[in-house]
C-alpha atoms as a PDB file:
ATOM      1  CA  UNK A   1       5.867 -38.239 -16.144  1.00  0.00           C
ATOM      2  CA  UNK A   2       7.935 -40.678 -18.173  1.00  0.00           C
ATOM      3  CA  UNK A   3       4.849 -42.410 -19.553  1.00  0.00           C
ATOM      4  CA  UNK A   4       3.419 -39.112 -20.871  1.00  0.00           C
ATOM      5  CA  UNK A   5       6.487 -38.143 -22.447  1.00  0.00           C
ATOM      6  CA  UNK A   6       6.761 -41.594 -24.124  1.00  0.00           C
ATOM      7  CA  UNK A   7       3.254 -41.321 -25.437  1.00  0.00           C
ATOM      8  CA  UNK A   8       4.032 -38.130 -26.898  1.00  0.00           C
ATOM      9  CA  UNK A   9       7.151 -39.099 -28.619  1.00  0.00           C
ATOM     10  CA  UNK A  10       5.148 -42.267 -29.800  1.00  0.00           C
ATOM     11  CA  UNK A  11       2.552 -39.879 -31.453  1.00  0.00           C
ATOM     12  CA  UNK A  12       5.071 -37.876 -33.323  1.00  0.00           C
ATOM     13  CA  UNK A  13       6.998 -40.957 -34.706  1.00  0.00           C
ATOM     14  CA  UNK A  14       3.620 -42.492 -35.885  1.00  0.00           C
ATOM     15  CA  UNK A  15       2.653 -39.078 -37.526  1.00  0.00           C
ATOM     16  CA  UNK A  16       5.998 -39.014 -39.373  1.00  0.00           C
ATOM     17  CA  UNK A  17       5.716 -42.356 -40.426  1.00  0.00           C
ATOM     18  CA  UNK A  18       2.415 -41.679 -41.960  1.00  0.00           C
ATOM     19  CA  UNK A  19       3.770 -38.470 -43.797  1.00  0.00           C
ATOM     20  CA  UNK A  20       6.522 -40.338 -45.355  1.00  0.00           C
ATOM     21  CA  UNK A  21       4.095 -43.337 -46.318  1.00  0.00           C
ATOM     22  CA  UNK A  22       1.610 -41.105 -48.005  1.00  0.00           C
ATOM     23  CA  UNK A  23       4.039 -38.496 -49.323  1.00  0.00           C
ATOM     24  CA  UNK A  24       1.840 -37.948 -52.534  1.00  0.00           C
ATOM     25  CA  UNK A  25      -1.281 -37.177 -50.371  1.00  0.00           C
ATOM     26  CA  UNK A  26      -2.340 -34.390 -48.154  1.00  0.00           C
ATOM     27  CA  UNK A  27      -1.864 -35.686 -44.670  1.00  0.00           C
ATOM     28  CA  UNK A  28      -4.602 -33.617 -43.162  1.00  0.00           C
ATOM     29  CA  UNK A  29      -7.621 -35.268 -44.778  1.00  0.00           C
ATOM     30  CA  UNK A  30      -7.971 -33.887 -48.361  1.00  0.00           C
ATOM     31  CA  UNK A  31      -7.305 -36.447 -51.181  1.00  0.00           C
ATOM     32  CA  UNK A  32      -5.740 -33.813 -53.453  1.00  0.00           C
ATOM     33  CA  UNK A  33      -2.355 -34.972 -54.668  1.00  0.00           C
ATOM     34  CA  UNK A  34       0.755 -32.775 -53.909  1.00  0.00           C
ATOM     35  CA  UNK A  35       2.348 -32.784 -57.367  1.00  0.00           C
ATOM     36  CA  UNK A  36       5.855 -32.269 -58.579  1.00  0.00           C
ATOM     37  CA  UNK A  37       5.597 -28.801 -60.239  1.00  0.00           C
ATOM     38  CA  UNK A  38       8.692 -29.695 -62.101  1.00  0.00           C
ATOM     39  CA  UNK A  39       6.764 -32.152 -64.093  1.00  0.00           C
ATOM     40  CA  UNK A  40       4.047 -31.887 -66.632  1.00  0.00           C
ATOM     41  CA  UNK A  41       2.303 -34.578 -68.434  1.00  0.00           C
ATOM     42  CA  UNK A  42      -0.534 -35.032 -70.977  1.00  0.00           C
ATOM     43  CA  UNK A  43      -2.422 -37.021 -73.562  1.00  0.00           C
ATOM     44  CA  UNK A  44      -1.799 -36.954 -77.255  1.00  0.00           C
ATOM     45  CA  UNK A  45      -4.407 -38.500 -79.614  1.00  0.00           C
ATOM     46  CA  UNK A  46      -5.503 -38.712 -83.382  1.00  0.00           C
ATOM     47  CA  UNK A  47      -8.710 -36.863 -84.478  1.00  0.00           C
ATOM     48  CA  UNK A  48     -10.734 -40.082 -83.997  1.00  0.00           C
ATOM     49  CA  UNK A  49      -9.711 -40.344 -80.423  1.00  0.00           C
ATOM     50  CA  UNK A  50      -7.156 -43.167 -80.665  1.00  0.00           C
ATOM     51  CA  UNK A  51      -4.010 -42.981 -78.796  1.00  0.00           C
ATOM     52  CA  UNK A  52      -0.981 -41.523 -80.736  1.00  0.00           C
ATOM     53  CA  UNK A  53       1.945 -43.593 -79.676  1.00  0.00           C
ATOM     54  CA  UNK A  54       5.630 -42.584 -80.643  1.00  0.00           C
ATOM     55  CA  UNK A  55       5.110 -39.050 -81.091  1.00  0.00           C
ATOM     56  CA  UNK A  56       8.161 -36.948 -80.453  1.00  0.00           C
ATOM     57  CA  UNK A  57       7.714 -34.350 -77.504  1.00  0.00           C
ATOM     58  CA  UNK A  58      10.079 -31.509 -77.159  1.00  0.00           C
ATOM     59  CA  UNK A  59      10.290 -28.475 -74.862  1.00  0.00           C
ATOM     60  CA  UNK A  60      11.985 -25.456 -76.743  1.00  0.00           C
ATOM     61  CA  UNK A  61      13.276 -23.497 -73.753  1.00  0.00           C
ATOM     62  CA  UNK A  62      15.091 -26.463 -72.004  1.00  0.00           C
ATOM     63  CA  UNK A  63      15.710 -28.717 -74.990  1.00  0.00           C
ATOM     64  CA  UNK A  64      13.940 -31.516 -73.025  1.00  0.00           C
ATOM     65  CA  UNK A  65      12.546 -34.356 -75.042  1.00  0.00           C
ATOM     66  CA  UNK A  66      10.541 -37.793 -74.889  1.00  0.00           C
ATOM     67  CA  UNK A  67       8.198 -39.960 -76.766  1.00  0.00           C
ATOM     68  CA  UNK A  68       4.577 -40.673 -76.108  1.00  0.00           C
ATOM     69  CA  UNK A  69       3.970 -44.276 -74.741  1.00  0.00           C
ATOM     70  CA  UNK A  70       1.659 -46.936 -76.244  1.00  0.00           C
ATOM     71  CA  UNK A  71      -1.492 -45.091 -74.631  1.00  0.00           C
ATOM     72  CA  UNK A  72      -0.469 -41.830 -76.270  1.00  0.00           C
ATOM     73  CA  UNK A  73       0.793 -40.412 -72.684  1.00  0.00           C
ATOM     74  CA  UNK A  74       3.873 -38.264 -72.368  1.00  0.00           C
ATOM     75  CA  UNK A  75       5.631 -36.732 -69.184  1.00  0.00           C
ATOM     76  CA  UNK A  76       8.572 -34.009 -68.914  1.00  0.00           C
ATOM     77  CA  UNK A  77      10.540 -33.139 -65.989  1.00  0.00           C
ATOM     78  CA  UNK A  78      12.673 -30.005 -65.672  1.00  0.00           C
ATOM     79  CA  UNK A  79      16.252 -30.691 -64.166  1.00  0.00           C
ATOM     80  CA  UNK A  80      16.421 -29.296 -60.736  1.00  0.00           C
ATOM     81  CA  UNK A  81      19.788 -27.824 -61.549  1.00  0.00           C
ATOM     82  CA  UNK A  82      18.209 -25.622 -64.160  1.00  0.00           C
ATOM     83  CA  UNK A  83      16.291 -23.295 -61.662  1.00  0.00           C
ATOM     84  CA  UNK A  84      16.446 -19.834 -63.019  1.00  0.00           C
ATOM     85  CA  UNK A  85      15.681 -17.558 -59.982  1.00  0.00           C
ATOM     86  CA  UNK A  86      13.279 -14.693 -60.501  1.00  0.00           C
ATOM     87  CA  UNK A  87      12.497 -15.298 -64.002  1.00  0.00           C
ATOM     88  CA  UNK A  88       9.488 -16.101 -65.770  1.00  0.00           C
ATOM     89  CA  UNK A  89       9.953 -17.952 -69.039  1.00  0.00           C
ATOM     90  CA  UNK A  90       7.521 -18.649 -71.866  1.00  0.00           C
ATOM     91  CA  UNK A  91       7.933 -21.731 -73.800  1.00  0.00           C
ATOM     92  CA  UNK A  92       6.248 -24.276 -76.302  1.00  0.00           C
ATOM     93  CA  UNK A  93       6.122 -28.010 -76.197  1.00  0.00           C
ATOM     94  CA  UNK A  94       6.166 -29.164 -79.658  1.00  0.00           C
ATOM     95  CA  UNK A  95       4.623 -32.635 -80.677  1.00  0.00           C
ATOM     96  CA  UNK A  96       6.177 -34.071 -83.979  1.00  0.00           C
ATOM     97  CA  UNK A  97       5.191 -36.757 -86.558  1.00  0.00           C
ATOM     98  CA  UNK A  98       7.133 -36.050 -89.901  1.00  0.00           C
ATOM     99  CA  UNK A  99       4.208 -36.318 -92.049  1.00  0.00           C
ATOM    100  CA  UNK A 100       1.700 -34.582 -89.836  1.00  0.00           C
ATOM    101  CA  UNK A 101       0.989 -31.131 -88.764  1.00  0.00           C
ATOM    102  CA  UNK A 102       3.217 -29.766 -86.005  1.00  0.00           C
ATOM    103  CA  UNK A 103       1.098 -29.319 -82.659  1.00  0.00           C
ATOM    104  CA  UNK A 104       1.977 -27.335 -79.634  1.00  0.00           C
ATOM    105  CA  UNK A 105       1.243 -26.598 -75.983  1.00  0.00           C
ATOM    106  CA  UNK A 106       2.153 -23.043 -74.193  1.00  0.00           C
ATOM    107  CA  UNK A 107       3.845 -23.284 -70.900  1.00  0.00           C
ATOM    108  CA  UNK A 108       5.173 -20.789 -68.287  1.00  0.00           C
ATOM    109  CA  UNK A 109       8.032 -21.713 -66.202  1.00  0.00           C
ATOM    110  CA  UNK A 110       9.266 -19.853 -62.993  1.00  0.00           C
ATOM    111  CA  UNK A 111      11.905 -20.922 -60.303  1.00  0.00           C
ATOM    112  CA  UNK A 112      12.385 -24.080 -62.165  1.00  0.00           C
ATOM    113  CA  UNK A 113       8.635 -25.074 -62.012  1.00  0.00           C
ATOM    114  CA  UNK A 114       5.819 -25.279 -64.478  1.00  0.00           C
ATOM    115  CA  UNK A 115       3.355 -22.729 -63.539  1.00  0.00           C
ATOM    116  CA  UNK A 116      -0.452 -23.960 -62.863  1.00  0.00           C
ATOM    117  CA  UNK A 117      -3.184 -22.207 -64.894  1.00  0.00           C
ATOM    118  CA  UNK A 118      -0.778 -20.514 -67.309  1.00  0.00           C
ATOM    119  CA  UNK A 119      -0.707 -21.139 -71.053  1.00  0.00           C
ATOM    120  CA  UNK A 120      -2.152 -24.348 -71.636  1.00  0.00           C
ATOM    121  CA  UNK A 121      -1.696 -25.925 -68.214  1.00  0.00           C
ATOM    122  CA  UNK A 122      -4.244 -26.528 -65.698  1.00  0.00           C
ATOM    123  CA  UNK A 123      -4.201 -26.025 -61.896  1.00  0.00           C
ATOM    124  CA  UNK A 124      -2.020 -29.030 -61.518  1.00  0.00           C
ATOM    125  CA  UNK A 125       0.448 -27.852 -64.093  1.00  0.00           C
ATOM    126  CA  UNK A 126      -0.609 -30.668 -66.369  1.00  0.00           C
ATOM    127  CA  UNK A 127      -1.634 -30.160 -70.074  1.00  0.00           C
ATOM    128  CA  UNK A 128      -5.286 -29.237 -69.847  1.00  0.00           C
ATOM    129  CA  UNK A 129      -6.687 -30.610 -73.264  1.00  0.00           C
ATOM    130  CA  UNK A 130      -5.534 -33.713 -75.151  1.00  0.00           C
ATOM    131  CA  UNK A 131      -3.032 -32.758 -78.059  1.00  0.00           C
ATOM    132  CA  UNK A 132      -4.623 -33.826 -81.497  1.00  0.00           C
ATOM    133  CA  UNK A 133      -2.293 -34.874 -84.122  1.00  0.00           C
ATOM    134  CA  UNK A 134      -3.642 -34.122 -87.645  1.00  0.00           C
ATOM    135  CA  UNK A 135      -2.163 -35.566 -90.620  1.00  0.00           C
ATOM    136  CA  UNK A 136      -0.568 -33.558 -93.319  1.00  0.00           C
ATOM    137  CA  UNK A 137       0.569 -36.053 -95.898  1.00  0.00           C
ATOM    138  CA  UNK A 138      -0.827 -39.427 -96.466  1.00  0.00           C
ATOM    139  CA  UNK A 139       1.633 -41.976 -97.608  1.00  0.00           C
ATOM    140  CA  UNK A 140       0.163 -45.271 -99.012  1.00  0.00           C
ATOM    141  CA  UNK A 141       2.298 -48.261-100.093  1.00  0.00           C
ATOM    142  CA  UNK A 142       1.271 -51.093-102.405  1.00  0.00           C
ATOM    143  CA  UNK A 143       3.422 -53.962-103.148  1.00  0.00           C
ATOM    144  CA  UNK A 144       2.653 -56.209-106.311  1.00  0.00           C
ATOM    145  CA  UNK A 145       2.500 -59.024-105.836  1.00  0.00           C
ATOM    146  CA  UNK A 146       1.678 -58.924-102.190  1.00  0.00           C
ATOM    147  CA  UNK A 147       3.444 -62.305-101.525  1.00  0.00           C
ATOM    148  CA  UNK A 148       6.099 -64.461-102.934  1.00  0.00           C
ATOM    149  CA  UNK A 149       6.466 -67.027-104.559  1.00  0.00           C
ATOM    150  CA  UNK A 150       4.224 -65.776-107.275  1.00  0.00           C
ATOM    151  CA  UNK A 151       3.971 -66.272-111.073  1.00  0.00           C
ATOM    152  CA  UNK A 152       5.897 -63.030-111.992  1.00  0.00           C
ATOM    153  CA  UNK A 153       9.546 -62.018-112.537  1.00  0.00           C
ATOM    154  CA  UNK A 154       9.170 -58.422-111.174  1.00  0.00           C
ATOM    155  CA  UNK A 155       8.168 -56.969-107.924  1.00  0.00           C
ATOM    156  CA  UNK A 156       6.434 -53.523-107.909  1.00  0.00           C
ATOM    157  CA  UNK A 157       6.572 -50.997-105.070  1.00  0.00           C
ATOM    158  CA  UNK A 158       4.211 -48.105-105.513  1.00  0.00           C
ATOM    159  CA  UNK A 159       3.991 -45.327-103.087  1.00  0.00           C
ATOM    160  CA  UNK A 160       0.879 -42.853-103.499  1.00  0.00           C
ATOM    161  CA  UNK A 161       1.394 -39.479-101.830  1.00  0.00           C
ATOM    162  CA  UNK A 162      -1.401 -36.923-101.220  1.00  0.00           C
ATOM    163  CA  UNK A 163      -1.801 -34.181 -98.982  1.00  0.00           C
ATOM    164  CA  UNK A 164      -4.701 -33.795 -96.859  1.00  0.00           C
ATOM    165  CA  UNK A 165      -5.365 -30.049 -97.076  1.00  0.00           C
ATOM    166  CA  UNK A 166      -3.695 -27.825 -99.791  1.00  0.00           C
ATOM    167  CA  UNK A 167      -0.252 -28.817-100.895  1.00  0.00           C
ATOM    168  CA  UNK A 168       2.775 -30.296 -99.210  1.00  0.00           C
ATOM    169  CA  UNK A 169       6.420 -30.748 -99.992  1.00  0.00           C
ATOM    170  CA  UNK A 170       8.002 -34.207 -99.985  1.00  0.00           C
ATOM    171  CA  UNK A 171      11.349 -35.324-101.245  1.00  0.00           C
ATOM    172  CA  UNK A 172      12.287 -38.502-103.136  1.00  0.00           C
ATOM    173  CA  UNK A 173      16.029 -39.005-102.506  1.00  0.00           C
ATOM    174  CA  UNK A 174      18.707 -41.051-104.270  1.00  0.00           C
ATOM    175  CA  UNK A 175      17.201 -41.007-107.751  1.00  0.00           C
ATOM    176  CA  UNK A 176      19.370 -41.569-110.864  1.00  0.00           C
ATOM    177  CA  UNK A 177      18.089 -38.116-112.069  1.00  0.00           C
ATOM    178  CA  UNK A 178      15.061 -35.679-111.382  1.00  0.00           C
ATOM    179  CA  UNK A 179      12.272 -36.531-113.709  1.00  0.00           C
ATOM    180  CA  UNK A 180      11.149 -33.514-115.856  1.00  0.00           C
ATOM    181  CA  UNK A 181       8.252 -31.354-114.825  1.00  0.00           C
ATOM    182  CA  UNK A 182       7.269 -33.494-111.675  1.00  0.00           C
ATOM    183  CA  UNK A 183       4.966 -36.154-113.641  1.00  0.00           C
ATOM    184  CA  UNK A 184       2.254 -38.031-111.691  1.00  0.00           C
ATOM    185  CA  UNK A 185       3.960 -41.371-111.953  1.00  0.00           C
ATOM    186  CA  UNK A 186       8.038 -41.604-111.870  1.00  0.00           C
ATOM    187  CA  UNK A 187      10.679 -43.656-110.052  1.00  0.00           C
ATOM    188  CA  UNK A 188      11.115 -44.195-106.218  1.00  0.00           C
ATOM    189  CA  UNK A 189      14.600 -43.896-105.372  1.00  0.00           C
ATOM    190  CA  UNK A 190      14.642 -46.474-102.442  1.00  0.00           C
ATOM    191  CA  UNK A 191      12.632 -48.603-100.260  1.00  0.00           C
ATOM    192  CA  UNK A 192      13.117 -50.703 -97.208  1.00  0.00           C
ATOM    193  CA  UNK A 193      11.810 -54.304 -96.428  1.00  0.00           C
ATOM    194  CA  UNK A 194      11.146 -54.395 -92.634  1.00  0.00           C
ATOM    195  CA  UNK A 195      10.755 -58.000 -91.229  1.00  0.00           C
ATOM    196  CA  UNK A 196       8.056 -57.709 -88.594  1.00  0.00           C
ATOM    197  CA  UNK A 197       9.208 -60.578 -86.214  1.00  0.00           C
ATOM    198  CA  UNK A 198      12.805 -59.859 -86.245  1.00  0.00           C
ATOM    199  CA  UNK A 199      13.045 -56.226 -86.924  1.00  0.00           C
ATOM    200  CA  UNK A 200      15.821 -56.969 -89.618  1.00  0.00           C
ATOM    201  CA  UNK A 201      15.523 -54.676 -92.767  1.00  0.00           C
ATOM    202  CA  UNK A 202      16.621 -54.929 -96.253  1.00  0.00           C
ATOM    203  CA  UNK A 203      17.269 -52.005 -98.685  1.00  0.00           C
ATOM    204  CA  UNK A 204      16.287 -52.052-102.365  1.00  0.00           C
ATOM    205  CA  UNK A 205      17.470 -49.177-104.777  1.00  0.00           C
ATOM    206  CA  UNK A 206      16.109 -47.999-108.051  1.00  0.00           C
ATOM    207  CA  UNK A 207      19.816 -47.179-109.086  1.00  0.00           C
ATOM    208  CA  UNK A 208      22.713 -47.968-106.752  1.00  0.00           C
ATOM    209  CA  UNK A 209      24.457 -44.844-108.116  1.00  0.00           C
ATOM    210  CA  UNK A 210      21.508 -42.602-107.726  1.00  0.00           C
ATOM    211  CA  UNK A 211      22.395 -39.589-105.838  1.00  0.00           C
ATOM    212  CA  UNK A 212      19.590 -36.881-107.051  1.00  0.00           C
ATOM    213  CA  UNK A 213      16.790 -35.429-104.842  1.00  0.00           C
ATOM    214  CA  UNK A 214      13.472 -35.069-106.446  1.00  0.00           C
ATOM    215  CA  UNK A 215      11.201 -32.486-104.936  1.00  0.00           C
ATOM    216  CA  UNK A 216       7.576 -33.219-105.274  1.00  0.00           C
ATOM    217  CA  UNK A 217       4.454 -31.267-104.247  1.00  0.00           C
ATOM    218  CA  UNK A 218       1.456 -33.544-103.781  1.00  0.00           C
ATOM    219  CA  UNK A 219      -1.873 -31.756-103.284  1.00  0.00           C
ATOM    220  CA  UNK A 220      -5.233 -32.649-101.827  1.00  0.00           C
ATOM    221  CA  UNK A 221      -6.699 -32.776-105.272  1.00  0.00           C
ATOM    222  CA  UNK A 222      -3.604 -34.307-107.150  1.00  0.00           C
ATOM    223  CA  UNK A 223      -1.902 -37.409-105.554  1.00  0.00           C
ATOM    224  CA  UNK A 224       1.521 -38.551-106.973  1.00  0.00           C
ATOM    225  CA  UNK A 225       2.944 -42.031-107.438  1.00  0.00           C
ATOM    226  CA  UNK A 226       6.463 -42.930-106.944  1.00  0.00           C
ATOM    227  CA  UNK A 227       7.316 -46.531-108.207  1.00  0.00           C
ATOM    228  CA  UNK A 228      10.235 -48.947-107.859  1.00  0.00           C
ATOM    229  CA  UNK A 229      10.130 -52.104-109.938  1.00  0.00           C
ATOM    230  CA  UNK A 230      12.822 -54.819-109.085  1.00  0.00           C
ATOM    231  CA  UNK A 231      13.617 -58.081-110.626  1.00  0.00           C
ATOM    232  CA  UNK A 232      12.673 -60.897-108.062  1.00  0.00           C
ATOM    233  CA  UNK A 233      16.265 -62.358-108.815  1.00  0.00           C
ATOM    234  CA  UNK A 234      17.795 -59.245-107.626  1.00  0.00           C
ATOM    235  CA  UNK A 235      15.923 -58.984-104.301  1.00  0.00           C
ATOM    236  CA  UNK A 236      18.097 -59.524-101.313  1.00  0.00           C
ATOM    237  CA  UNK A 237      18.222 -62.938 -99.566  1.00  0.00           C
ATOM    238  CA  UNK A 238      15.362 -62.408 -97.158  1.00  0.00           C
ATOM    239  CA  UNK A 239      13.855 -64.945 -94.701  1.00  0.00           C
ATOM    240  CA  UNK A 240      10.398 -66.214 -94.988  1.00  0.00           C
ATOM    241  CA  UNK A 241       7.876 -64.131 -92.869  1.00  0.00           C
ATOM    242  CA  UNK A 242       5.745 -61.067 -92.937  1.00  0.00           C
ATOM    243  CA  UNK A 243       7.140 -57.562 -94.020  1.00  0.00           C
ATOM    244  CA  UNK A 244       6.410 -53.827 -94.022  1.00  0.00           C
ATOM    245  CA  UNK A 245       7.733 -52.187 -97.291  1.00  0.00           C
ATOM    246  CA  UNK A 246       8.589 -48.672 -96.561  1.00  0.00           C
ATOM    247  CA  UNK A 247       9.262 -46.234 -99.171  1.00  0.00           C
ATOM    248  CA  UNK A 248      12.053 -43.802 -98.630  1.00  0.00           C
ATOM    249  CA  UNK A 249      10.568 -40.412 -98.613  1.00  0.00           C
ATOM    250  CA  UNK A 250      11.412 -37.449 -96.489  1.00  0.00           C
ATOM    251  CA  UNK A 251       9.111 -34.572 -95.298  1.00  0.00           C
ATOM    252  CA  UNK A 252       8.738 -32.433 -92.211  1.00  0.00           C
ATOM    253  CA  UNK A 253       5.971 -30.262 -90.916  1.00  0.00           C
ATOM    254  CA  UNK A 254       5.946 -26.736 -91.810  1.00  0.00           C
ATOM    255  CA  UNK A 255       7.910 -24.197 -89.554  1.00  0.00           C
ATOM    256  CA  UNK A 256       9.524 -26.915 -87.574  1.00  0.00           C
ATOM    257  CA  UNK A 257      12.127 -25.625 -85.361  1.00  0.00           C
ATOM    258  CA  UNK A 258      15.728 -26.415 -86.186  1.00  0.00           C
ATOM    259  CA  UNK A 259      16.316 -27.184 -82.572  1.00  0.00           C
ATOM    260  CA  UNK A 260      13.712 -29.790 -82.495  1.00  0.00           C
ATOM    261  CA  UNK A 261      15.314 -31.563 -85.467  1.00  0.00           C
ATOM    262  CA  UNK A 262      18.689 -31.440 -83.996  1.00  0.00           C
ATOM    263  CA  UNK A 263      17.423 -32.980 -80.761  1.00  0.00           C
ATOM    264  CA  UNK A 264      15.646 -35.677 -82.720  1.00  0.00           C
ATOM    265  CA  UNK A 265      19.066 -36.408 -84.726  1.00  0.00           C
ATOM    266  CA  UNK A 266      19.553 -35.468 -88.336  1.00  0.00           C
ATOM    267  CA  UNK A 267      20.723 -39.031 -88.970  1.00  0.00           C
ATOM    268  CA  UNK A 268      17.340 -40.205 -88.721  1.00  0.00           C
ATOM    269  CA  UNK A 269      16.968 -38.955 -92.440  1.00  0.00           C
ATOM    270  CA  UNK A 270      19.639 -41.466 -93.392  1.00  0.00           C
ATOM    271  CA  UNK A 271      18.494 -44.612 -95.317  1.00  0.00           C
ATOM    272  CA  UNK A 272      18.593 -47.588 -93.142  1.00  0.00           C
ATOM    273  CA  UNK A 273      18.103 -48.289 -89.546  1.00  0.00           C
ATOM    274  CA  UNK A 274      18.102 -44.594 -88.434  1.00  0.00           C
ATOM    275  CA  UNK A 275      15.307 -43.879 -90.812  1.00  0.00           C
ATOM    276  CA  UNK A 276      13.104 -46.543 -89.206  1.00  0.00           C
ATOM    277  CA  UNK A 277      13.248 -44.606 -86.029  1.00  0.00           C
ATOM    278  CA  UNK A 278      11.845 -41.450 -87.617  1.00  0.00           C
ATOM    279  CA  UNK A 279       8.260 -40.747 -86.441  1.00  0.00           C
ATOM    280  CA  UNK A 280       6.142 -41.193 -89.429  1.00  0.00           C
ATOM    281  CA  UNK A 281       2.776 -42.755 -89.987  1.00  0.00           C
ATOM    282  CA  UNK A 282       2.249 -44.620 -93.190  1.00  0.00           C
ATOM    283  CA  UNK A 283      -0.472 -47.111 -94.469  1.00  0.00           C
ATOM    284  CA  UNK A 284      -0.104 -50.229 -96.581  1.00  0.00           C
ATOM    285  CA  UNK A 285       3.035 -51.814 -97.482  1.00  0.00           C
ATOM    286  CA  UNK A 286       2.072 -55.366 -96.396  1.00  0.00           C
ATOM    287  CA  UNK A 287       4.347 -58.171 -97.970  1.00  0.00           C
ATOM    288  CA  UNK A 288       4.975 -61.815 -97.283  1.00  0.00           C
ATOM    289  CA  UNK A 289       7.514 -64.443 -98.238  1.00  0.00           C
ATOM    290  CA  UNK A 290       6.033 -67.807 -97.743  1.00  0.00           C
END
């Protein structure tokens, strides 16, 4: 009698240990994962299929946010304390890069959990399709000369701005004055030299007293150029190494919610370290001090 009782207890202790060890798998033989329905995740890519890293991800109705990782993956988890009994809520997950089109995924939430097979979620409450980020404004930076020392007394930073489709709105802050009639080529208010090895940055201005904010409208058929020429003798004291030169230009996707911008942080529009944190994708800007 005692032996039978001992075997009975031993069996259930072993079963309990197996359930605890395999807590993400069905203990009765199926390999289907038991997922936390408070969590959703997905993949963000560029049109060519490359991973879109550093994309800001924001769920509007819960004001939750994160960034995609180096592989373009993201995950959002609903707080357990925000379960809203008996209510089905519809929301949008936004995917944001400042000079790209805004992308979204639709979700429904009930009892504090993502509802499977609703909106853009699959049966496991994950975003069904890869989110594709499409560029709205292309910003290309050229530095002449591309390295120092060089046989010249001036350094020229040129930012070429063109819309991928139609037209876009871009702001060129900290100008001494707004150029008349938006010429194809005019001044660039400010730029940042970012040292690639250390992350240190150095600011140059067209005019230290400039406070004007130029509104430019680049189109797909008409690129605009903004330039900052500075005497090499007036450059900040910068260490040797490779740099990325970043023009100080501001833009936002059309119809970006104010709540997203507030969550991201309005200080990211400020010239300096904060601006370097703003999700943007530019090309060019390579510079080196030997």
